[in-house]
Amino acid sequence: MSWLALTITAFVLGLWAQTRYRNSLINPTLIATLIVALALLLSRTPYAEYRAQARPLSLLLSPAVVALAVPLYRQRALLARQGPALILGSLAGTLTAVGLDILLPRLLHLSTEAQRALITAPATSAVAVGLAEYTRAPPTLAATLAVLSGLMGAVVLPPFLTLLGVRRPLARGIALGSVAHGIGTARAREESEQVGVASSIGMGLAALLVSLLVALLS
C-alpha cells in the first residue's frame, strides 16, 4: 500500500465532503487523519514506515508556512493599523489556552507526561516537539496533543465564534491562530484572506509566547 497516495486521497475525500455538505464541522484534515489512522491500525503498520513513505508531504510543510508571508504582505497596511489590537488579542488567546492546558489536566488528574505535553499544545507540533526537551514531555505525545488541539480548534471554534456573534475577520482569525495554529490557519483561509492573515499572526505569536513561557518555567 502506498501511504503517500492514501494520505492524499483521504485529504481529497475530505475536501469533497466539505464542499458537498457545506458544514464547518467537516474538516478535511480531520477526515484524512481518521482514515489514515484507521488504515494504520487495521494493517498494523508501524508509524515509522508510514512516516518514511509520507516524507514528501512533510517536506512541503516548510514552503507552505513560508507561503503564508504572501497574504501578510498584501495586507501590510491593514496590519500596520491594527497591529496593537492583533498582538493583544493573540497574547490573550494564547495565555488563556496555556492556562487551561495547565489547570484542567491537574483537575482531571492526568498523568505527569500528559500535563507536561499539554503545556505546549497551543503551539504548532514542530514547536511542541522542540520544546519537549525542556518540558520533559514525550516528544511524540507533545506533537500528538498539539495536532489534536489544532484539529479541535479548527472544527469547533468557527461555529462557536459565530454563535457568540464574533464576525469581524481579524477577531476570528486571531482566535483561530492563537488556539488552533497551523490547522486553524488553514481553516481561517477558507473564510477570507483577512481572517487567514490574522490567524497567521496569531499562530506565530502563540509559538513565540509558548516558547517564552516554557523558558521561564523550566
Protein backbone atom coordinates (compact mmCIF):
# COMPACT_ATOMS: atom_id res chain seq x y z
CA MET A 1 0.00 0.00 0.00
CA SER A 2 1.27 3.48 -0.87
CA TRP A 3 0.74 5.54 2.26
CA LEU A 4 1.54 8.72 0.38
CA ALA A 5 -1.24 8.03 -2.12
CA LEU A 6 -3.66 7.07 0.64
CA THR A 7 -2.94 10.27 2.58
CA ILE A 8 -3.52 12.46 -0.47
CA THR A 9 -6.65 10.54 -1.43
CA ALA A 10 -8.04 10.79 2.12
CA PHE A 11 -7.49 14.56 2.16
CA VAL A 12 -9.12 14.99 -1.27
CA LEU A 13 -12.06 12.95 0.02
CA GLY A 14 -12.26 15.32 3.00
CA LEU A 15 -12.28 18.33 0.67
CA TRP A 16 -15.05 16.75 -1.39
CA ALA A 17 -17.13 16.06 1.75
CA GLN A 18 -16.64 19.63 2.96
CA THR A 19 -17.68 21.06 -0.41
CA ARG A 20 -20.57 18.64 -0.77
CA TYR A 21 -22.16 19.18 2.64
CA ARG A 22 -21.08 22.77 3.38
CA ASN A 23 -20.65 22.07 7.09
CA SER A 24 -17.91 23.74 9.14
CA LEU A 25 -17.70 20.63 11.32
CA ILE A 26 -16.46 18.62 8.33
CA ASN A 27 -12.73 19.28 8.26
CA PRO A 28 -10.54 17.72 5.52
CA THR A 29 -7.55 17.34 7.86
CA LEU A 30 -9.67 15.60 10.48
CA ILE A 31 -11.20 13.25 7.91
CA ALA A 32 -7.79 12.40 6.42
CA THR A 33 -6.33 11.81 9.89
CA LEU A 34 -9.12 9.42 10.86
CA ILE A 35 -8.88 7.47 7.59
CA VAL A 36 -5.10 7.11 7.73
CA ALA A 37 -5.11 6.25 11.44
CA LEU A 38 -7.74 3.55 10.88
CA ALA A 39 -5.76 2.13 7.95
CA LEU A 40 -2.58 2.04 10.05
CA LEU A 41 -4.36 0.25 12.88
CA LEU A 42 -6.05 -2.31 10.64
CA SER A 43 -2.86 -3.06 8.72
CA ARG A 44 -0.71 -2.94 11.89
CA THR A 45 1.77 -0.76 10.06
CA PRO A 46 4.45 0.89 12.25
CA TYR A 47 4.31 4.66 12.25
CA ALA A 48 7.98 4.80 11.23
CA GLU A 49 7.11 3.04 7.96
CA TYR A 50 4.23 5.45 7.28
CA ARG A 51 6.39 8.48 8.08
CA ALA A 52 9.09 7.32 5.68
CA GLN A 53 6.62 6.91 2.81
CA ALA A 54 4.79 10.17 3.54
CA ARG A 55 8.02 12.17 3.90
CA PRO A 56 7.47 14.13 0.63
CA LEU A 57 4.39 15.71 2.21
CA SER A 58 6.36 16.62 5.33
CA LEU A 59 8.98 18.33 3.19
CA LEU A 60 6.27 20.57 1.72
CA LEU A 61 5.33 21.87 5.17
CA SER A 62 8.14 24.44 5.36
CA PRO A 63 7.40 26.01 1.94
CA ALA A 64 3.71 26.11 2.88
CA VAL A 65 4.49 28.04 6.06
CA VAL A 66 6.75 30.45 4.16
CA ALA A 67 3.95 31.00 1.62
CA LEU A 68 1.84 32.49 4.42
CA ALA A 69 4.02 35.59 4.09
CA VAL A 70 2.36 36.45 0.75
CA PRO A 71 -1.07 37.41 2.17
CA LEU A 72 0.71 39.11 5.09
CA TYR A 73 2.48 41.35 2.60
CA ARG A 74 -0.74 42.08 0.74
CA GLN A 75 -2.47 43.14 3.94
CA ARG A 76 0.51 45.08 5.39
CA ALA A 77 -1.36 48.40 5.53
CA LEU A 78 -4.22 46.86 7.49
CA LEU A 79 -1.81 45.08 9.81
CA ALA A 80 0.04 48.31 10.50
CA ARG A 81 -3.23 49.97 11.57
CA GLN A 82 -4.44 47.05 13.67
CA GLY A 83 -1.07 45.82 14.95
CA PRO A 84 -1.55 46.58 18.69
CA ALA A 85 -5.03 45.01 18.73
CA LEU A 86 -3.76 41.88 16.97
CA ILE A 87 -0.87 41.49 19.40
CA LEU A 88 -3.07 41.96 22.46
CA GLY A 89 -5.67 39.55 21.08
CA SER A 90 -3.05 36.93 20.37
CA LEU A 91 -1.49 37.26 23.81
CA ALA A 92 -4.89 36.97 25.49
CA GLY A 93 -5.87 33.93 23.45
CA THR A 94 -2.57 32.11 23.94
CA LEU A 95 -2.37 32.84 27.67
CA THR A 96 -5.94 31.60 28.12
CA ALA A 97 -5.17 28.40 26.20
CA VAL A 98 -1.97 27.74 28.13
CA GLY A 99 -3.70 28.47 31.44
CA LEU A 100 -6.47 25.98 30.67
CA ASP A 101 -3.96 23.39 29.45
CA ILE A 102 -2.11 23.69 32.76
CA LEU A 103 -5.14 23.81 35.07
CA LEU A 104 -7.55 21.27 33.57
CA PRO A 105 -5.10 18.32 33.37
CA ARG A 106 -4.31 18.77 37.06
CA LEU A 107 -8.00 18.92 37.97
CA LEU A 108 -8.59 15.77 35.92
CA HIS A 109 -5.56 14.07 37.49
CA LEU A 110 -3.94 13.24 34.17
CA SER A 111 -0.50 11.66 34.09
CA THR A 112 2.56 13.84 34.59
CA GLU A 113 3.63 13.22 30.99
CA ALA A 114 0.26 14.41 29.68
CA GLN A 115 0.35 17.51 31.88
CA ARG A 116 3.79 18.44 30.58
CA ALA A 117 2.86 17.75 26.96
CA LEU A 118 -0.28 19.87 27.14
CA ILE A 119 1.69 22.97 28.12
CA THR A 120 2.89 23.30 24.52
CA ALA A 121 -0.39 22.26 22.84
CA PRO A 122 -1.28 25.86 21.77
CA ALA A 123 1.92 25.94 19.67
CA THR A 124 2.45 24.10 16.39
CA SER A 125 3.53 20.46 16.53
CA ALA A 126 7.04 21.33 15.34
CA VAL A 127 7.47 23.83 18.18
CA ALA A 128 5.91 21.40 20.68
CA VAL A 129 8.43 18.71 19.72
CA GLY A 130 11.31 21.16 20.05
CA LEU A 131 10.15 22.29 23.49
CA ALA A 132 9.60 18.73 24.75
CA GLU A 133 13.25 18.62 25.76
CA TYR A 134 12.63 21.43 28.23
CA THR A 135 9.19 20.39 29.49
CA ARG A 136 10.44 16.77 29.86
CA ALA A 137 7.38 15.55 27.96
CA PRO A 138 7.46 12.66 25.46
CA PRO A 139 8.02 14.35 22.07
CA THR A 140 5.51 12.09 20.29
CA LEU A 141 2.83 12.86 22.87
CA ALA A 142 3.56 16.59 22.70
CA ALA A 143 3.22 16.55 18.90
CA THR A 144 0.05 14.45 19.02
CA LEU A 145 -1.66 16.74 21.54
CA ALA A 146 -0.66 19.82 19.53
CA VAL A 147 -2.21 18.31 16.39
CA LEU A 148 -5.36 17.29 18.28
CA SER A 149 -5.60 20.80 19.72
CA GLY A 150 -5.40 22.25 16.22
CA LEU A 151 -8.00 19.84 14.86
CA MET A 152 -10.45 20.51 17.67
CA GLY A 153 -9.96 24.25 17.38
CA ALA A 154 -10.43 24.24 13.60
CA VAL A 155 -13.63 22.21 13.86
CA VAL A 156 -15.27 23.70 16.96
CA LEU A 157 -14.08 27.30 17.11
CA PRO A 158 -15.56 28.81 13.87
CA PRO A 159 -19.20 27.88 14.67
CA PHE A 160 -18.65 28.80 18.32
CA LEU A 161 -17.37 32.26 17.35
CA THR A 162 -20.39 32.69 15.08
CA LEU A 163 -22.66 31.68 17.95
CA LEU A 164 -21.03 34.34 20.13
CA GLY A 165 -21.55 36.94 17.42
CA VAL A 166 -17.84 37.34 16.62
CA ARG A 167 -17.90 38.18 12.91
CA ARG A 168 -15.03 40.62 12.38
CA PRO A 169 -12.37 38.93 10.21
CA LEU A 170 -9.39 39.96 12.34
CA ALA A 171 -11.04 38.85 15.58
CA ARG A 172 -11.97 35.45 14.13
CA GLY A 173 -8.53 34.98 12.63
CA ILE A 174 -6.55 35.86 15.74
CA ALA A 175 -8.70 33.48 17.80
CA LEU A 176 -8.14 30.61 15.37
CA GLY A 177 -4.41 31.17 15.06
CA SER A 178 -3.83 31.55 18.79
CA VAL A 179 -5.62 28.31 19.66
CA ALA A 180 -5.53 26.07 16.58
CA HIS A 181 -2.19 27.18 14.99
CA GLY A 182 -1.50 25.71 11.51
CA ILE A 183 -4.68 23.69 11.08
CA GLY A 184 -6.74 26.62 12.34
CA THR A 185 -4.95 28.94 9.92
CA ALA A 186 -5.81 26.63 7.02
CA ARG A 187 -9.43 26.75 8.17
CA ALA A 188 -9.26 30.54 8.52
CA ARG A 189 -8.04 30.90 4.93
CA GLU A 190 -11.30 29.29 3.81
CA GLU A 191 -13.24 32.24 5.24
CA SER A 192 -11.22 35.08 3.70
CA GLU A 193 -7.71 36.38 3.21
CA GLN A 194 -8.03 38.79 6.14
CA VAL A 195 -9.10 36.01 8.50
CA GLY A 196 -6.17 33.91 7.28
CA VAL A 197 -3.69 36.76 7.74
CA ALA A 198 -4.83 37.41 11.30
CA SER A 199 -4.64 33.68 12.02
CA SER A 200 -1.07 33.55 10.70
CA ILE A 201 -0.10 36.31 13.12
CA GLY A 202 -1.87 34.57 15.97
CA MET A 203 -0.09 31.30 15.16
CA GLY A 204 3.35 32.93 15.08
CA LEU A 205 2.85 34.92 18.27
CA ALA A 206 1.42 31.84 20.04
CA ALA A 207 4.54 29.82 19.19
CA LEU A 208 6.74 32.66 20.42
CA LEU A 209 4.80 33.16 23.66
CA VAL A 210 4.65 29.43 24.47
CA SER A 211 8.42 29.21 23.94
CA LEU A 212 8.99 32.15 26.29
CA LEU A 213 6.71 30.65 28.94
CA VAL A 214 8.48 27.30 28.78
CA ALA A 215 11.82 29.08 29.11
CA LEU A 216 10.58 30.91 32.22
CA LEU A 217 9.03 27.79 33.79
CA SER A 218 11.97 25.50 33.07
